[in-house]
C-alpha cells in the first residue's frame, strides 16, 4: 500500500521510498526514511494535500508524492 491510501488516524511504517533523483533525496531529507512510523493526520477537502505526523512533527505533502512512498500498516499488539 502507498501512503496516499492510508486512512486518517492509522499508523504505518515506511517500507520503500520511490522517486528519482532530487525528489527521492528531498523525501529522505524530510524524514521519510524506511522503517519510520508515520500517521496520516488530515486530508484536505479535495483530497490533496495530506498532513502527516512523522518523527515528532507535522509534514504536508502532495497526494501525488505520497503515492511514491510504500508503507505497511502497523499491527496493534493485543
C-alpha atoms as a PDB file:
ATOM      1  CA  UNK A   1       0.000   0.000   0.000  1.00  0.00           C
ATOM      2  CA  UNK A   2       1.150   3.542  -0.565  1.00  0.00           C
ATOM      3  CA  UNK A   3       0.966   6.489   1.814  1.00  0.00           C
ATOM      4  CA  UNK A   4      -1.854   8.174  -0.122  1.00  0.00           C
ATOM      5  CA  UNK A   5      -4.046   5.068   0.511  1.00  0.00           C
ATOM      6  CA  UNK A   6      -3.514   5.054   4.296  1.00  0.00           C
ATOM      7  CA  UNK A   7      -6.699   6.022   6.209  1.00  0.00           C
ATOM      8  CA  UNK A   8      -6.716   9.031   8.540  1.00  0.00           C
ATOM      9  CA  UNK A   9      -5.503   8.183  12.033  1.00  0.00           C
ATOM     10  CA  UNK A  10      -3.868   4.888  11.054  1.00  0.00           C
ATOM     11  CA  UNK A  11      -0.208   4.285  11.817  1.00  0.00           C
ATOM     12  CA  UNK A  12       2.122   2.630   9.320  1.00  0.00           C
ATOM     13  CA  UNK A  13       5.806   2.003   8.778  1.00  0.00           C
ATOM     14  CA  UNK A  14       7.553   3.241   5.641  1.00  0.00           C
ATOM     15  CA  UNK A  15       8.946   0.301   3.672  1.00  0.00           C
ATOM     16  CA  UNK A  16      10.172   1.922   0.445  1.00  0.00           C
ATOM     17  CA  UNK A  17      10.726   5.437  -0.885  1.00  0.00           C
ATOM     18  CA  UNK A  18      10.475   5.685  -4.668  1.00  0.00           C
ATOM     19  CA  UNK A  19      11.014   8.673  -6.910  1.00  0.00           C
ATOM     20  CA  UNK A  20      14.059   9.703  -8.840  1.00  0.00           C
ATOM     21  CA  UNK A  21      16.997  11.970  -8.193  1.00  0.00           C
ATOM     22  CA  UNK A  22      16.261  15.193  -6.351  1.00  0.00           C
ATOM     23  CA  UNK A  23      12.697  14.159  -5.441  1.00  0.00           C
ATOM     24  CA  UNK A  24      13.863  10.999  -3.634  1.00  0.00           C
ATOM     25  CA  UNK A  25      16.608  12.950  -1.843  1.00  0.00           C
ATOM     26  CA  UNK A  26      14.034  15.532  -0.757  1.00  0.00           C
ATOM     27  CA  UNK A  27      11.782  12.799   0.689  1.00  0.00           C
ATOM     28  CA  UNK A  28      14.715  11.393   2.652  1.00  0.00           C
ATOM     29  CA  UNK A  29      15.739  14.869   3.858  1.00  0.00           C
ATOM     30  CA  UNK A  30      12.183  15.424   5.174  1.00  0.00           C
ATOM     31  CA  UNK A  31      12.475  12.279   7.313  1.00  0.00           C
ATOM     32  CA  UNK A  32      10.535   9.912   5.054  1.00  0.00           C
ATOM     33  CA  UNK A  33      13.003   7.084   5.628  1.00  0.00           C
ATOM     34  CA  UNK A  34      12.309   3.329   5.549  1.00  0.00           C
ATOM     35  CA  UNK A  35      11.403   1.813   8.967  1.00  0.00           C
ATOM     36  CA  UNK A  36       9.989   5.176  10.175  1.00  0.00           C
ATOM     37  CA  UNK A  37       6.498   5.308  11.688  1.00  0.00           C
ATOM     38  CA  UNK A  38       4.036   7.701  10.076  1.00  0.00           C
ATOM     39  CA  UNK A  39       0.400   8.666  10.772  1.00  0.00           C
ATOM     40  CA  UNK A  40      -1.976  10.443   8.381  1.00  0.00           C
ATOM     41  CA  UNK A  41      -3.382  13.355  10.421  1.00  0.00           C
ATOM     42  CA  UNK A  42      -5.566  15.245   7.930  1.00  0.00           C
ATOM     43  CA  UNK A  43      -6.573  15.279   4.287  1.00  0.00           C
ATOM     44  CA  UNK A  44      -7.592  18.496   2.542  1.00  0.00           C
ATOM     45  CA  UNK A  45     -11.256  18.733   1.421  1.00  0.00           C
ATOM     46  CA  UNK A  46     -10.409  17.973  -2.205  1.00  0.00           C
ATOM     47  CA  UNK A  47      -8.046  15.152  -1.159  1.00  0.00           C
ATOM     48  CA  UNK A  48      -4.792  16.988  -1.793  1.00  0.00           C
ATOM     49  CA  UNK A  49      -2.503  17.684   0.101  1.00  0.00           C
ATOM     50  CA  UNK A  50      -2.281  15.331   3.086  1.00  0.00           C
ATOM     51  CA  UNK A  51      -0.806  16.100   6.506  1.00  0.00           C
ATOM     52  CA  UNK A  52       1.404  13.513   8.194  1.00  0.00           C
ATOM     53  CA  UNK A  53       2.785  13.147  11.700  1.00  0.00           C
ATOM     54  CA  UNK A  54       6.312  11.804  11.443  1.00  0.00           C
ATOM     55  CA  UNK A  55       9.285  11.929  13.804  1.00  0.00           C
ATOM     56  CA  UNK A  56       7.512  14.335  16.174  1.00  0.00           C
ATOM     57  CA  UNK A  57       6.469  16.967  13.631  1.00  0.00           C
ATOM     58  CA  UNK A  58       3.733  17.642  11.078  1.00  0.00           C
ATOM     59  CA  UNK A  59       4.578  17.364   7.393  1.00  0.00           C
ATOM     60  CA  UNK A  60       2.278  18.216   4.489  1.00  0.00           C
ATOM     61  CA  UNK A  61       2.901  16.623   1.104  1.00  0.00           C
ATOM     62  CA  UNK A  62       1.036  16.331  -2.173  1.00  0.00           C
ATOM     63  CA  UNK A  63      -1.047  13.228  -2.748  1.00  0.00           C
ATOM     64  CA  UNK A  64       0.925  12.503  -5.924  1.00  0.00           C
ATOM     65  CA  UNK A  65       4.168  12.428  -3.900  1.00  0.00           C
ATOM     66  CA  UNK A  66       2.573  10.308  -1.154  1.00  0.00           C
ATOM     67  CA  UNK A  67       1.821   7.715  -3.844  1.00  0.00           C
ATOM     68  CA  UNK A  68       5.559   7.169  -4.264  1.00  0.00           C
ATOM     69  CA  UNK A  69       6.043   6.095  -0.639  1.00  0.00           C
ATOM     70  CA  UNK A  70       5.201   2.499   0.213  1.00  0.00           C
ATOM     71  CA  UNK A  71       4.011   1.700   3.736  1.00  0.00           C
ATOM     72  CA  UNK A  72       2.940  -1.308   5.747  1.00  0.00           C
ATOM     73  CA  UNK A  73       0.115  -0.782   8.267  1.00  0.00           C
ATOM     74  CA  UNK A  74       1.213  -1.150  11.895  1.00  0.00           C
ATOM     75  CA  UNK A  75      -0.288  -4.197  13.600  1.00  0.00           C
ATOM     76  CA  UNK A  76      -1.651  -3.453  17.075  1.00  0.00           C
ATOM     77  CA  UNK A  77      -0.455  -5.923  19.701  1.00  0.00           C
ATOM     78  CA  UNK A  78      -3.126  -7.340  21.986  1.00  0.00           C
END
